[in-house]
Amino acid sequence: MPAGLLLAGLAVLEVVPAAVGIHAMTAGAMGSMTVAVMTRATLGHTGRPLRGDIWTAALFLLVAGSTITRIAASLDAAAYMSILWAAAALWSAAFLLFVLRFGKMLAIRPGPIAKR
């Protein structure tokens, strides 16, 4: 968020395009928060310890890499589409990794649900 707000401020001063700050806040902050909530909810609701592992860290790194790449696309008009495709690939890889890592936890119930 701080980087996104800084970039949005620079956009007001016309140092960078307006899209740069917007993408930093939407893809970066919202994407990271989405992954955080999905992983926490999956672990918590399936009764697993609330600890990240190397795969969870990779999810966040892929989202961050996608965000940085998306910002770079806004700054380079000549290579815009190539860089945009790279950002899309990183973003897709992050959520594919989530499905591969956590999908089975969500699809298979470990046992009978206790009555409350």
PDB file of N, CA and C in Angstrom:
ATOM      1  N   MET A   1       0.809  -1.193   0.000  1.00  0.00           N
ATOM      2  CA  MET A   1       0.000   0.000   0.000  1.00  0.00           C
ATOM      3  C   MET A   1       0.856   1.262   0.000  1.00  0.00           C
ATOM      4  N   PRO A   2       1.887   1.338   0.845  1.00  0.00           N
ATOM      5  CA  PRO A   2       2.693   2.562   0.821  1.00  0.00           C
ATOM      6  C   PRO A   2       3.308   2.837  -0.551  1.00  0.00           C
ATOM      7  N   ALA A   3       3.795   1.808  -1.214  1.00  0.00           N
ATOM      8  CA  ALA A   3       4.373   1.995  -2.546  1.00  0.00           C
ATOM      9  C   ALA A   3       3.302   2.470  -3.531  1.00  0.00           C
ATOM     10  N   GLY A   4       2.113   1.913  -3.433  1.00  0.00           N
ATOM     11  CA  GLY A   4       1.022   2.321  -4.307  1.00  0.00           C
ATOM     12  C   GLY A   4       0.628   3.769  -4.086  1.00  0.00           C
ATOM     13  N   LEU A   5       0.565   4.173  -2.825  1.00  0.00           N
ATOM     14  CA  LEU A   5       0.229   5.571  -2.527  1.00  0.00           C
ATOM     15  C   LEU A   5       1.330   6.515  -2.995  1.00  0.00           C
ATOM     16  N   LEU A   6       2.578   6.105  -2.834  1.00  0.00           N
ATOM     17  CA  LEU A   6       3.689   6.919  -3.321  1.00  0.00           C
ATOM     18  C   LEU A   6       3.613   7.074  -4.838  1.00  0.00           C
ATOM     19  N   LEU A   7       3.374   5.974  -5.523  1.00  0.00           N
ATOM     20  CA  LEU A   7       3.268   6.020  -6.982  1.00  0.00           C
ATOM     21  C   LEU A   7       2.052   6.829  -7.430  1.00  0.00           C
ATOM     22  N   ALA A   8       0.944   6.738  -6.698  1.00  0.00           N
ATOM     23  CA  ALA A   8      -0.229   7.558  -7.025  1.00  0.00           C
ATOM     24  C   ALA A   8       0.094   9.042  -6.852  1.00  0.00           C
ATOM     25  N   GLY A   9       0.853   9.369  -5.815  1.00  0.00           N
ATOM     26  CA  GLY A   9       1.282  10.757  -5.611  1.00  0.00           C
ATOM     27  C   GLY A   9       2.189  11.231  -6.735  1.00  0.00           C
ATOM     28  N   LEU A  10       3.087  10.359  -7.181  1.00  0.00           N
ATOM     29  CA  LEU A  10       3.958  10.707  -8.299  1.00  0.00           C
ATOM     30  C   LEU A  10       3.163  10.874  -9.590  1.00  0.00           C
ATOM     31  N   ALA A  11       2.074  10.131  -9.705  1.00  0.00           N
ATOM     32  CA  ALA A  11       1.211  10.271 -10.888  1.00  0.00           C
ATOM     33  C   ALA A  11       0.524  11.639 -10.899  1.00  0.00           C
ATOM     34  N   VAL A  12       0.128  12.122  -9.728  1.00  0.00           N
ATOM     35  CA  VAL A  12      -0.469  13.457  -9.640  1.00  0.00           C
ATOM     36  C   VAL A  12       0.528  14.510 -10.104  1.00  0.00           C
ATOM     37  N   LEU A  13       1.795  14.295  -9.784  1.00  0.00           N
ATOM     38  CA  LEU A  13       2.855  15.218 -10.213  1.00  0.00           C
ATOM     39  C   LEU A  13       3.309  14.949 -11.651  1.00  0.00           C
ATOM     40  N   GLU A  14       2.668  13.973 -12.293  1.00  0.00           N
ATOM     41  CA  GLU A  14       2.950  13.588 -13.680  1.00  0.00           C
ATOM     42  C   GLU A  14       4.369  13.059 -13.875  1.00  0.00           C
ATOM     43  N   VAL A  15       4.885  12.398 -12.853  1.00  0.00           N
ATOM     44  CA  VAL A  15       6.199  11.758 -12.950  1.00  0.00           C
ATOM     45  C   VAL A  15       6.056  10.368 -13.558  1.00  0.00           C
ATOM     46  N   VAL A  16       4.974   9.686 -13.202  1.00  0.00           N
ATOM     47  CA  VAL A  16       4.669   8.358 -13.735  1.00  0.00           C
ATOM     48  C   VAL A  16       3.219   8.358 -14.213  1.00  0.00           C
ATOM     49  N   PRO A  17       2.849   7.406 -15.081  1.00  0.00           N
ATOM     50  CA  PRO A  17       1.449   7.313 -15.507  1.00  0.00           C
ATOM     51  C   PRO A  17       0.525   6.979 -14.323  1.00  0.00           C
ATOM     52  N   ALA A  18      -0.718   7.429 -14.397  1.00  0.00           N
ATOM     53  CA  ALA A  18      -1.682   7.186 -13.317  1.00  0.00           C
ATOM     54  C   ALA A  18      -1.902   5.700 -13.056  1.00  0.00           C
ATOM     55  N   ALA A  19      -1.800   4.882 -14.088  1.00  0.00           N
ATOM     56  CA  ALA A  19      -2.045   3.445 -13.934  1.00  0.00           C
ATOM     57  C   ALA A  19      -1.049   2.775 -13.002  1.00  0.00           C
ATOM     58  N   VAL A  20       0.132   3.339 -12.862  1.00  0.00           N
ATOM     59  CA  VAL A  20       1.169   2.711 -12.044  1.00  0.00           C
ATOM     60  C   VAL A  20       0.734   2.602 -10.580  1.00  0.00           C
ATOM     61  N   GLY A  21       0.282   3.683  -9.993  1.00  0.00           N
ATOM     62  CA  GLY A  21      -0.167   3.659  -8.602  1.00  0.00           C
ATOM     63  C   GLY A  21      -1.397   2.790  -8.405  1.00  0.00           C
ATOM     64  N   ILE A  22      -2.300   2.870  -9.355  1.00  0.00           N
ATOM     65  CA  ILE A  22      -3.534   2.074  -9.273  1.00  0.00           C
ATOM     66  C   ILE A  22      -3.197   0.583  -9.298  1.00  0.00           C
ATOM     67  N   HIS A  23      -2.304   0.178 -10.191  1.00  0.00           N
ATOM     68  CA  HIS A  23      -1.955  -1.241 -10.270  1.00  0.00           C
ATOM     69  C   HIS A  23      -1.164  -1.702  -9.054  1.00  0.00           C
ATOM     70  N   ALA A  24      -0.354  -0.828  -8.503  1.00  0.00           N
ATOM     71  CA  ALA A  24       0.386  -1.197  -7.296  1.00  0.00           C
ATOM     72  C   ALA A  24      -0.585  -1.470  -6.150  1.00  0.00           C
ATOM     73  N   MET A  25      -1.626  -0.641  -6.056  1.00  0.00           N
ATOM     74  CA  MET A  25      -2.589  -0.835  -4.954  1.00  0.00           C
ATOM     75  C   MET A  25      -3.545  -1.989  -5.224  1.00  0.00           C
ATOM     76  N   THR A  26      -4.020  -2.125  -6.446  1.00  0.00           N
ATOM     77  CA  THR A  26      -4.999  -3.182  -6.712  1.00  0.00           C
ATOM     78  C   THR A  26      -4.338  -4.546  -6.813  1.00  0.00           C
ATOM     79  N   ALA A  27      -3.397  -4.693  -7.713  1.00  0.00           N
ATOM     80  CA  ALA A  27      -2.758  -6.000  -7.879  1.00  0.00           C
ATOM     81  C   ALA A  27      -1.916  -6.361  -6.666  1.00  0.00           C
ATOM     82  N   GLY A  28      -1.161  -5.396  -6.154  1.00  0.00           N
ATOM     83  CA  GLY A  28      -0.276  -5.683  -5.030  1.00  0.00           C
ATOM     84  C   GLY A  28      -1.003  -5.894  -3.718  1.00  0.00           C
ATOM     85  N   ALA A  29      -1.685  -4.858  -3.263  1.00  0.00           N
ATOM     86  CA  ALA A  29      -2.334  -4.942  -1.946  1.00  0.00           C
ATOM     87  C   ALA A  29      -3.518  -5.902  -1.955  1.00  0.00           C
ATOM     88  N   MET A  30      -4.395  -5.755  -2.940  1.00  0.00           N
ATOM     89  CA  MET A  30      -5.578  -6.613  -2.960  1.00  0.00           C
ATOM     90  C   MET A  30      -5.222  -8.054  -3.301  1.00  0.00           C
ATOM     91  N   GLY A  31      -4.267  -8.244  -4.206  1.00  0.00           N
ATOM     92  CA  GLY A  31      -3.848  -9.604  -4.548  1.00  0.00           C
ATOM     93  C   GLY A  31      -3.204 -10.311  -3.371  1.00  0.00           C
ATOM     94  N   SER A  32      -2.335  -9.610  -2.665  1.00  0.00           N
ATOM     95  CA  SER A  32      -1.683 -10.193  -1.485  1.00  0.00           C
ATOM     96  C   SER A  32      -2.705 -10.497  -0.395  1.00  0.00           C
ATOM     97  N   MET A  33      -3.642  -9.588  -0.195  1.00  0.00           N
ATOM     98  CA  MET A  33      -4.660  -9.809   0.838  1.00  0.00           C
ATOM     99  C   MET A  33      -5.564 -10.984   0.472  1.00  0.00           C
ATOM    100  N   THR A  34      -5.877 -11.111  -0.798  1.00  0.00           N
ATOM    101  CA  THR A  34      -6.699 -12.239  -1.245  1.00  0.00           C
ATOM    102  C   THR A  34      -6.000 -13.561  -0.950  1.00  0.00           C
ATOM    103  N   VAL A  35      -4.726 -13.647  -1.283  1.00  0.00           N
ATOM    104  CA  VAL A  35      -3.957 -14.873  -1.008  1.00  0.00           C
ATOM    105  C   VAL A  35      -3.875 -15.118   0.499  1.00  0.00           C
ATOM    106  N   ALA A  36      -3.670 -14.052   1.269  1.00  0.00           N
ATOM    107  CA  ALA A  36      -3.573 -14.204   2.726  1.00  0.00           C
ATOM    108  C   ALA A  36      -4.866 -14.751   3.319  1.00  0.00           C
ATOM    109  N   VAL A  37      -5.987 -14.202   2.909  1.00  0.00           N
ATOM    110  CA  VAL A  37      -7.278 -14.654   3.444  1.00  0.00           C
ATOM    111  C   VAL A  37      -7.570 -16.084   2.992  1.00  0.00           C
ATOM    112  N   MET A  38      -7.278 -16.386   1.728  1.00  0.00           N
ATOM    113  CA  MET A  38      -7.557 -17.735   1.232  1.00  0.00           C
ATOM    114  C   MET A  38      -6.725 -18.785   1.961  1.00  0.00           C
ATOM    115  N   THR A  39      -5.443 -18.501   2.175  1.00  0.00           N
ATOM    116  CA  THR A  39      -4.598 -19.492   2.844  1.00  0.00           C
ATOM    117  C   THR A  39      -4.966 -19.625   4.313  1.00  0.00           C
ATOM    118  N   ARG A  40      -5.222 -18.502   4.974  1.00  0.00           N
ATOM    119  CA  ARG A  40      -5.586 -18.544   6.396  1.00  0.00           C
ATOM    120  C   ARG A  40      -6.912 -19.264   6.596  1.00  0.00           C
ATOM    121  N   ALA A  41      -7.891 -18.957   5.755  1.00  0.00           N
ATOM    122  CA  ALA A  41      -9.200 -19.602   5.879  1.00  0.00           C
ATOM    123  C   ALA A  41      -9.098 -21.097   5.589  1.00  0.00           C
ATOM    124  N   THR A  42      -8.329 -21.459   4.601  1.00  0.00           N
ATOM    125  CA  THR A  42      -8.181 -22.880   4.274  1.00  0.00           C
ATOM    126  C   THR A  42      -7.552 -23.636   5.431  1.00  0.00           C
ATOM    127  N   LEU A  43      -6.462 -23.109   5.962  1.00  0.00           N
ATOM    128  CA  LEU A  43      -5.804 -23.791   7.078  1.00  0.00           C
ATOM    129  C   LEU A  43      -6.704 -23.821   8.313  1.00  0.00           C
ATOM    130  N   GLY A  44      -7.312 -22.695   8.635  1.00  0.00           N
ATOM    131  CA  GLY A  44      -8.148 -22.621   9.828  1.00  0.00           C
ATOM    132  C   GLY A  44      -9.385 -23.496   9.758  1.00  0.00           C
ATOM    133  N   HIS A  45     -10.065 -23.471   8.626  1.00  0.00           N
ATOM    134  CA  HIS A  45     -11.312 -24.227   8.500  1.00  0.00           C
ATOM    135  C   HIS A  45     -11.103 -25.717   8.313  1.00  0.00           C
ATOM    136  N   THR A  46      -9.886 -26.109   8.001  1.00  0.00           N
ATOM    137  CA  THR A  46      -9.605 -27.540   7.887  1.00  0.00           C
ATOM    138  C   THR A  46      -8.881 -28.069   9.122  1.00  0.00           C
ATOM    139  N   GLY A  47      -8.744 -27.224  10.150  1.00  0.00           N
ATOM    140  CA  GLY A  47      -8.165 -27.656  11.408  1.00  0.00           C
ATOM    141  C   GLY A  47      -6.657 -27.799  11.398  1.00  0.00           C
ATOM    142  N   ARG A  48      -6.002 -27.203  10.449  1.00  0.00           N
ATOM    143  CA  ARG A  48      -4.541 -27.282  10.379  1.00  0.00           C
ATOM    144  C   ARG A  48      -3.913 -26.105  11.110  1.00  0.00           C
ATOM    145  N   PRO A  49      -2.651 -26.247  11.505  1.00  0.00           N
ATOM    146  CA  PRO A  49      -1.963 -25.121  12.164  1.00  0.00           C
ATOM    147  C   PRO A  49      -1.858 -23.920  11.220  1.00  0.00           C
ATOM    148  N   LEU A  50      -1.979 -22.732  11.775  1.00  0.00           N
ATOM    149  CA  LEU A  50      -1.919 -21.511  10.980  1.00  0.00           C
ATOM    150  C   LEU A  50      -0.467 -21.090  10.775  1.00  0.00           C
ATOM    151  N   ARG A  51       0.233 -21.894  10.003  1.00  0.00           N
ATOM    152  CA  ARG A  51       1.646 -21.635   9.701  1.00  0.00           C
ATOM    153  C   ARG A  51       1.844 -21.725   8.201  1.00  0.00           C
ATOM    154  N   GLY A  52       2.564 -20.746   7.681  1.00  0.00           N
ATOM    155  CA  GLY A  52       2.904 -20.788   6.275  1.00  0.00           C
ATOM    156  C   GLY A  52       4.072 -21.732   6.035  1.00  0.00           C
ATOM    157  N   ASP A  53       4.193 -22.179   4.828  1.00  0.00           N
ATOM    158  CA  ASP A  53       5.317 -23.023   4.451  1.00  0.00           C
ATOM    159  C   ASP A  53       5.971 -22.420   3.204  1.00  0.00           C
ATOM    160  N   ILE A  54       6.863 -23.138   2.608  1.00  0.00           N
ATOM    161  CA  ILE A  54       7.577 -22.618   1.437  1.00  0.00           C
ATOM    162  C   ILE A  54       6.622 -22.361   0.278  1.00  0.00           C
ATOM    163  N   TRP A  55       5.560 -23.149   0.172  1.00  0.00           N
ATOM    164  CA  TRP A  55       4.590 -22.972  -0.907  1.00  0.00           C
ATOM    165  C   TRP A  55       3.775 -21.702  -0.701  1.00  0.00           C
ATOM    166  N   THR A  56       3.440 -21.425   0.536  1.00  0.00           N
ATOM    167  CA  THR A  56       2.708 -20.192   0.840  1.00  0.00           C
ATOM    168  C   THR A  56       3.576 -18.976   0.541  1.00  0.00           C
ATOM    169  N   ALA A  57       4.839 -19.059   0.907  1.00  0.00           N
ATOM    170  CA  ALA A  57       5.764 -17.962   0.600  1.00  0.00           C
ATOM    171  C   ALA A  57       5.873 -17.769  -0.915  1.00  0.00           C
ATOM    172  N   ALA A  58       5.904 -18.862  -1.648  1.00  0.00           N
ATOM    173  CA  ALA A  58       5.980 -18.777  -3.110  1.00  0.00           C
ATOM    174  C   ALA A  58       4.745 -18.089  -3.684  1.00  0.00           C
ATOM    175  N   LEU A  59       3.573 -18.347  -3.091  1.00  0.00           N
ATOM    176  CA  LEU A  59       2.347 -17.661  -3.540  1.00  0.00           C
ATOM    177  C   LEU A  59       2.511 -16.150  -3.450  1.00  0.00           C
ATOM    178  N   PHE A  60       2.994 -15.694  -2.304  1.00  0.00           N
ATOM    179  CA  PHE A  60       3.160 -14.253  -2.100  1.00  0.00           C
ATOM    180  C   PHE A  60       4.232 -13.681  -3.018  1.00  0.00           C
ATOM    181  N   LEU A  61       5.301 -14.419  -3.238  1.00  0.00           N
ATOM    182  CA  LEU A  61       6.354 -13.948  -4.142  1.00  0.00           C
ATOM    183  C   LEU A  61       5.856 -13.852  -5.575  1.00  0.00           C
ATOM    184  N   LEU A  62       5.028 -14.796  -5.993  1.00  0.00           N
ATOM    185  CA  LEU A  62       4.463 -14.738  -7.341  1.00  0.00           C
ATOM    186  C   LEU A  62       3.525 -13.543  -7.505  1.00  0.00           C
ATOM    187  N   VAL A  63       2.692 -13.279  -6.496  1.00  0.00           N
ATOM    188  CA  VAL A  63       1.802 -12.110  -6.564  1.00  0.00           C
ATOM    189  C   VAL A  63       2.628 -10.824  -6.588  1.00  0.00           C
ATOM    190  N   ALA A  64       3.656 -10.753  -5.744  1.00  0.00           N
ATOM    191  CA  ALA A  64       4.513  -9.561  -5.723  1.00  0.00           C
ATOM    192  C   ALA A  64       5.243  -9.401  -7.058  1.00  0.00           C
ATOM    193  N   GLY A  65       5.743 -10.483  -7.597  1.00  0.00           N
ATOM    194  CA  GLY A  65       6.416 -10.429  -8.892  1.00  0.00           C
ATOM    195  C   GLY A  65       5.483  -9.991 -10.001  1.00  0.00           C
ATOM    196  N   SER A  66       4.259 -10.474  -9.944  1.00  0.00           N
ATOM    197  CA  SER A  66       3.256 -10.069 -10.923  1.00  0.00           C
ATOM    198  C   SER A  66       2.963  -8.577 -10.820  1.00  0.00           C
ATOM    199  N   THR A  67       2.868  -8.085  -9.600  1.00  0.00           N
ATOM    200  CA  THR A  67       2.594  -6.664  -9.391  1.00  0.00           C
ATOM    201  C   THR A  67       3.732  -5.795  -9.927  1.00  0.00           C
ATOM    202  N   ILE A  68       4.947  -6.172  -9.601  1.00  0.00           N
ATOM    203  CA  ILE A  68       6.107  -5.404 -10.080  1.00  0.00           C
ATOM    204  C   ILE A  68       6.171  -5.440 -11.604  1.00  0.00           C
ATOM    205  N   THR A  69       5.889  -6.598 -12.177  1.00  0.00           N
ATOM    206  CA  THR A  69       5.909  -6.732 -13.623  1.00  0.00           C
ATOM    207  C   THR A  69       4.791  -5.904 -14.259  1.00  0.00           C
ATOM    208  N   ARG A  70       3.627  -5.872 -13.621  1.00  0.00           N
ATOM    209  CA  ARG A  70       2.513  -5.072 -14.144  1.00  0.00           C
ATOM    210  C   ARG A  70       2.843  -3.590 -14.101  1.00  0.00           C
ATOM    211  N   ILE A  71       3.487  -3.160 -13.056  1.00  0.00           N
ATOM    212  CA  ILE A  71       3.913  -1.757 -12.956  1.00  0.00           C
ATOM    213  C   ILE A  71       4.926  -1.456 -14.057  1.00  0.00           C
ATOM    214  N   ALA A  72       5.853  -2.375 -14.268  1.00  0.00           N
ATOM    215  CA  ALA A  72       6.855  -2.191 -15.321  1.00  0.00           C
ATOM    216  C   ALA A  72       6.201  -2.068 -16.691  1.00  0.00           C
ATOM    217  N   ALA A  73       5.129  -2.808 -16.916  1.00  0.00           N
ATOM    218  CA  ALA A  73       4.424  -2.721 -18.200  1.00  0.00           C
ATOM    219  C   ALA A  73       3.878  -1.317 -18.426  1.00  0.00           C
ATOM    220  N   SER A  74       3.371  -0.698 -17.375  1.00  0.00           N
ATOM    221  CA  SER A  74       2.835   0.657 -17.499  1.00  0.00           C
ATOM    222  C   SER A  74       3.927   1.686 -17.774  1.00  0.00           C
ATOM    223  N   LEU A  75       5.151   1.354 -17.451  1.00  0.00           N
ATOM    224  CA  LEU A  75       6.260   2.292 -17.630  1.00  0.00           C
ATOM    225  C   LEU A  75       6.986   2.121 -18.961  1.00  0.00           C
ATOM    226  N   ASP A  76       6.732   1.031 -19.669  1.00  0.00           N
ATOM    227  CA  ASP A  76       7.432   0.753 -20.926  1.00  0.00           C
ATOM    228  C   ASP A  76       6.416   0.529 -22.047  1.00  0.00           C
ATOM    229  N   ALA A  77       6.083   1.604 -22.757  1.00  0.00           N
ATOM    230  CA  ALA A  77       5.074   1.526 -23.807  1.00  0.00           C
ATOM    231  C   ALA A  77       5.501   0.619 -24.957  1.00  0.00           C
ATOM    232  N   ALA A  78       6.783   0.563 -25.244  1.00  0.00           N
ATOM    233  CA  ALA A  78       7.276  -0.223 -26.382  1.00  0.00           C
ATOM    234  C   ALA A  78       7.082  -1.729 -26.158  1.00  0.00           C
ATOM    235  N   ALA A  79       7.300  -2.180 -24.936  1.00  0.00           N
ATOM    236  CA  ALA A  79       7.197  -3.616 -24.645  1.00  0.00           C
ATOM    237  C   ALA A  79       5.964  -3.925 -23.797  1.00  0.00           C
ATOM    238  N   TYR A  80       4.978  -3.056 -23.818  1.00  0.00           N
ATOM    239  CA  TYR A  80       3.806  -3.163 -22.944  1.00  0.00           C
ATOM    240  C   TYR A  80       3.173  -4.558 -22.966  1.00  0.00           C
ATOM    241  N   MET A  81       2.809  -5.044 -24.143  1.00  0.00           N
ATOM    242  CA  MET A  81       2.087  -6.321 -24.214  1.00  0.00           C
ATOM    243  C   MET A  81       2.938  -7.503 -23.761  1.00  0.00           C
ATOM    244  N   SER A  82       4.208  -7.503 -24.096  1.00  0.00           N
ATOM    245  CA  SER A  82       5.083  -8.602 -23.670  1.00  0.00           C
ATOM    246  C   SER A  82       5.199  -8.643 -22.150  1.00  0.00           C
ATOM    247  N   ILE A  83       5.387  -7.477 -21.570  1.00  0.00           N
ATOM    248  CA  ILE A  83       5.514  -7.413 -20.110  1.00  0.00           C
ATOM    249  C   ILE A  83       4.184  -7.734 -19.445  1.00  0.00           C
ATOM    250  N   LEU A  84       3.094  -7.290 -20.050  1.00  0.00           N
ATOM    251  CA  LEU A  84       1.761  -7.575 -19.505  1.00  0.00           C
ATOM    252  C   LEU A  84       1.492  -9.078 -19.489  1.00  0.00           C
ATOM    253  N   TRP A  85       1.907  -9.773 -20.557  1.00  0.00           N
ATOM    254  CA  TRP A  85       1.743 -11.224 -20.595  1.00  0.00           C
ATOM    255  C   TRP A  85       2.567 -11.903 -19.499  1.00  0.00           C
ATOM    256  N   ALA A  86       3.750 -11.383 -19.244  1.00  0.00           N
ATOM    257  CA  ALA A  86       4.580 -11.939 -18.167  1.00  0.00           C
ATOM    258  C   ALA A  86       3.907 -11.739 -16.813  1.00  0.00           C
ATOM    259  N   ALA A  87       3.321 -10.558 -16.599  1.00  0.00           N
ATOM    260  CA  ALA A  87       2.607 -10.297 -15.346  1.00  0.00           C
ATOM    261  C   ALA A  87       1.418 -11.239 -15.202  1.00  0.00           C
ATOM    262  N   ALA A  88       0.696 -11.445 -16.293  1.00  0.00           N
ATOM    263  CA  ALA A  88      -0.459 -12.352 -16.266  1.00  0.00           C
ATOM    264  C   ALA A  88      -0.024 -13.786 -15.967  1.00  0.00           C
ATOM    265  N   ALA A  89       1.112 -14.188 -16.517  1.00  0.00           N
ATOM    266  CA  ALA A  89       1.621 -15.546 -16.265  1.00  0.00           C
ATOM    267  C   ALA A  89       1.992 -15.728 -14.798  1.00  0.00           C
ATOM    268  N   LEU A  90       2.646 -14.725 -14.210  1.00  0.00           N
ATOM    269  CA  LEU A  90       3.000 -14.808 -12.789  1.00  0.00           C
ATOM    270  C   LEU A  90       1.748 -14.844 -11.910  1.00  0.00           C
ATOM    271  N   TRP A  91       0.773 -14.004 -12.228  1.00  0.00           N
ATOM    272  CA  TRP A  91      -0.488 -13.955 -11.479  1.00  0.00           C
ATOM    273  C   TRP A  91      -1.192 -15.301 -11.549  1.00  0.00           C
ATOM    274  N   SER A  92      -1.286 -15.853 -12.762  1.00  0.00           N
ATOM    275  CA  SER A  92      -1.939 -17.150 -12.950  1.00  0.00           C
ATOM    276  C   SER A  92      -1.187 -18.248 -12.223  1.00  0.00           C
ATOM    277  N   ALA A  93       0.135 -18.193 -12.255  1.00  0.00           N
ATOM    278  CA  ALA A  93       0.945 -19.199 -11.562  1.00  0.00           C
ATOM    279  C   ALA A  93       0.692 -19.161 -10.062  1.00  0.00           C
ATOM    280  N   ALA A  94       0.502 -17.963  -9.503  1.00  0.00           N
ATOM    281  CA  ALA A  94       0.241 -17.841  -8.067  1.00  0.00           C
ATOM    282  C   ALA A  94      -1.050 -18.572  -7.691  1.00  0.00           C
ATOM    283  N   PHE A  95      -2.104 -18.326  -8.450  1.00  0.00           N
ATOM    284  CA  PHE A  95      -3.381 -18.930  -8.089  1.00  0.00           C
ATOM    285  C   PHE A  95      -3.453 -20.407  -8.477  1.00  0.00           C
ATOM    286  N   LEU A  96      -2.710 -20.806  -9.496  1.00  0.00           N
ATOM    287  CA  LEU A  96      -2.589 -22.235  -9.808  1.00  0.00           C
ATOM    288  C   LEU A  96      -1.855 -22.946  -8.682  1.00  0.00           C
ATOM    289  N   LEU A  97      -0.811 -22.328  -8.170  1.00  0.00           N
ATOM    290  CA  LEU A  97      -0.084 -22.903  -7.039  1.00  0.00           C
ATOM    291  C   LEU A  97      -1.000 -23.033  -5.817  1.00  0.00           C
ATOM    292  N   PHE A  98      -1.864 -22.041  -5.596  1.00  0.00           N
ATOM    293  CA  PHE A  98      -2.824 -22.149  -4.496  1.00  0.00           C
ATOM    294  C   PHE A  98      -3.705 -23.384  -4.677  1.00  0.00           C
ATOM    295  N   VAL A  99      -4.228 -23.574  -5.871  1.00  0.00           N
ATOM    296  CA  VAL A  99      -5.096 -24.723  -6.136  1.00  0.00           C
ATOM    297  C   VAL A  99      -4.335 -26.027  -5.921  1.00  0.00           C
ATOM    298  N   LEU A 100      -3.108 -26.088  -6.403  1.00  0.00           N
ATOM    299  CA  LEU A 100      -2.315 -27.316  -6.252  1.00  0.00           C
ATOM    300  C   LEU A 100      -1.980 -27.594  -4.794  1.00  0.00           C
ATOM    301  N   ARG A 101      -1.679 -26.546  -4.032  1.00  0.00           N
ATOM    302  CA  ARG A 101      -1.267 -26.721  -2.635  1.00  0.00           C
ATOM    303  C   ARG A 101      -2.455 -26.919  -1.697  1.00  0.00           C
ATOM    304  N   PHE A 102      -3.516 -26.152  -1.893  1.00  0.00           N
ATOM    305  CA  PHE A 102      -4.618 -26.146  -0.929  1.00  0.00           C
ATOM    306  C   PHE A 102      -5.902 -26.785  -1.447  1.00  0.00           C
ATOM    307  N   GLY A 103      -5.975 -27.063  -2.729  1.00  0.00           N
ATOM    308  CA  GLY A 103      -7.201 -27.615  -3.306  1.00  0.00           C
ATOM    309  C   GLY A 103      -7.643 -28.919  -2.675  1.00  0.00           C
ATOM    310  N   LYS A 104      -6.705 -29.816  -2.447  1.00  0.00           N
ATOM    311  CA  LYS A 104      -7.053 -31.113  -1.859  1.00  0.00           C
ATOM    312  C   LYS A 104      -7.586 -30.939  -0.436  1.00  0.00           C
ATOM    313  N   MET A 105      -7.015 -29.976   0.288  1.00  0.00           N
ATOM    314  CA  MET A 105      -7.496 -29.709   1.654  1.00  0.00           C
ATOM    315  C   MET A 105      -8.957 -29.282   1.643  1.00  0.00           C
ATOM    316  N   LEU A 106      -9.340 -28.547   0.625  1.00  0.00           N
ATOM    317  CA  LEU A 106     -10.700 -28.028   0.543  1.00  0.00           C
ATOM    318  C   LEU A 106     -11.673 -29.033  -0.059  1.00  0.00           C
ATOM    319  N   ALA A 107     -11.153 -29.936  -0.876  1.00  0.00           N
ATOM    320  CA  ALA A 107     -12.021 -30.878  -1.575  1.00  0.00           C
ATOM    321  C   ALA A 107     -12.330 -32.131  -0.761  1.00  0.00           C
ATOM    322  N   ILE A 108     -11.450 -32.491   0.141  1.00  0.00           N
ATOM    323  CA  ILE A 108     -11.621 -33.730   0.896  1.00  0.00           C
ATOM    324  C   ILE A 108     -11.826 -33.383   2.374  1.00  0.00           C
ATOM    325  N   ARG A 109     -12.966 -33.766   2.878  1.00  0.00           N
ATOM    326  CA  ARG A 109     -13.247 -33.533   4.293  1.00  0.00           C
ATOM    327  C   ARG A 109     -12.546 -34.619   5.098  1.00  0.00           C
ATOM    328  N   PRO A 110     -11.773 -34.231   6.142  1.00  0.00           N
ATOM    329  CA  PRO A 110     -10.974 -35.218   6.876  1.00  0.00           C
ATOM    330  C   PRO A 110     -11.778 -36.181   7.732  1.00  0.00           C
ATOM    331  N   GLY A 111     -12.967 -35.856   8.081  1.00  0.00           N
ATOM    332  CA  GLY A 111     -13.742 -36.747   8.934  1.00  0.00           C
ATOM    333  C   GLY A 111     -15.095 -36.133   9.235  1.00  0.00           C
ATOM    334  N   PRO A 112     -15.895 -36.797  10.095  1.00  0.00           N
ATOM    335  CA  PRO A 112     -17.209 -36.259  10.403  1.00  0.00           C
ATOM    336  C   PRO A 112     -17.113 -34.912  11.102  1.00  0.00           C
ATOM    337  N   ILE A 113     -18.038 -34.057  10.783  1.00  0.00           N
ATOM    338  CA  ILE A 113     -18.086 -32.736  11.415  1.00  0.00           C
ATOM    339  C   ILE A 113     -18.724 -32.885  12.804  1.00  0.00           C
ATOM    340  N   ALA A 114     -18.031 -32.365  13.798  1.00  0.00           N
ATOM    341  CA  ALA A 114     -18.542 -32.477  15.170  1.00  0.00           C
ATOM    342  C   ALA A 114     -19.755 -31.573  15.339  1.00  0.00           C
ATOM    343  N   LYS A 115     -20.733 -32.069  16.092  1.00  0.00           N
ATOM    344  CA  LYS A 115     -21.918 -31.250  16.383  1.00  0.00           C
ATOM    345  C   LYS A 115     -21.575 -30.248  17.472  1.00  0.00           C
ATOM    346  N   ARG A 116     -22.099 -29.063  17.340  1.00  0.00           N
ATOM    347  CA  ARG A 116     -21.802 -28.021  18.325  1.00  0.00           C
ATOM    348  C   ARG A 116     -22.940 -27.855  19.278  1.00  0.00           C
TER     349      ARG A 116
END
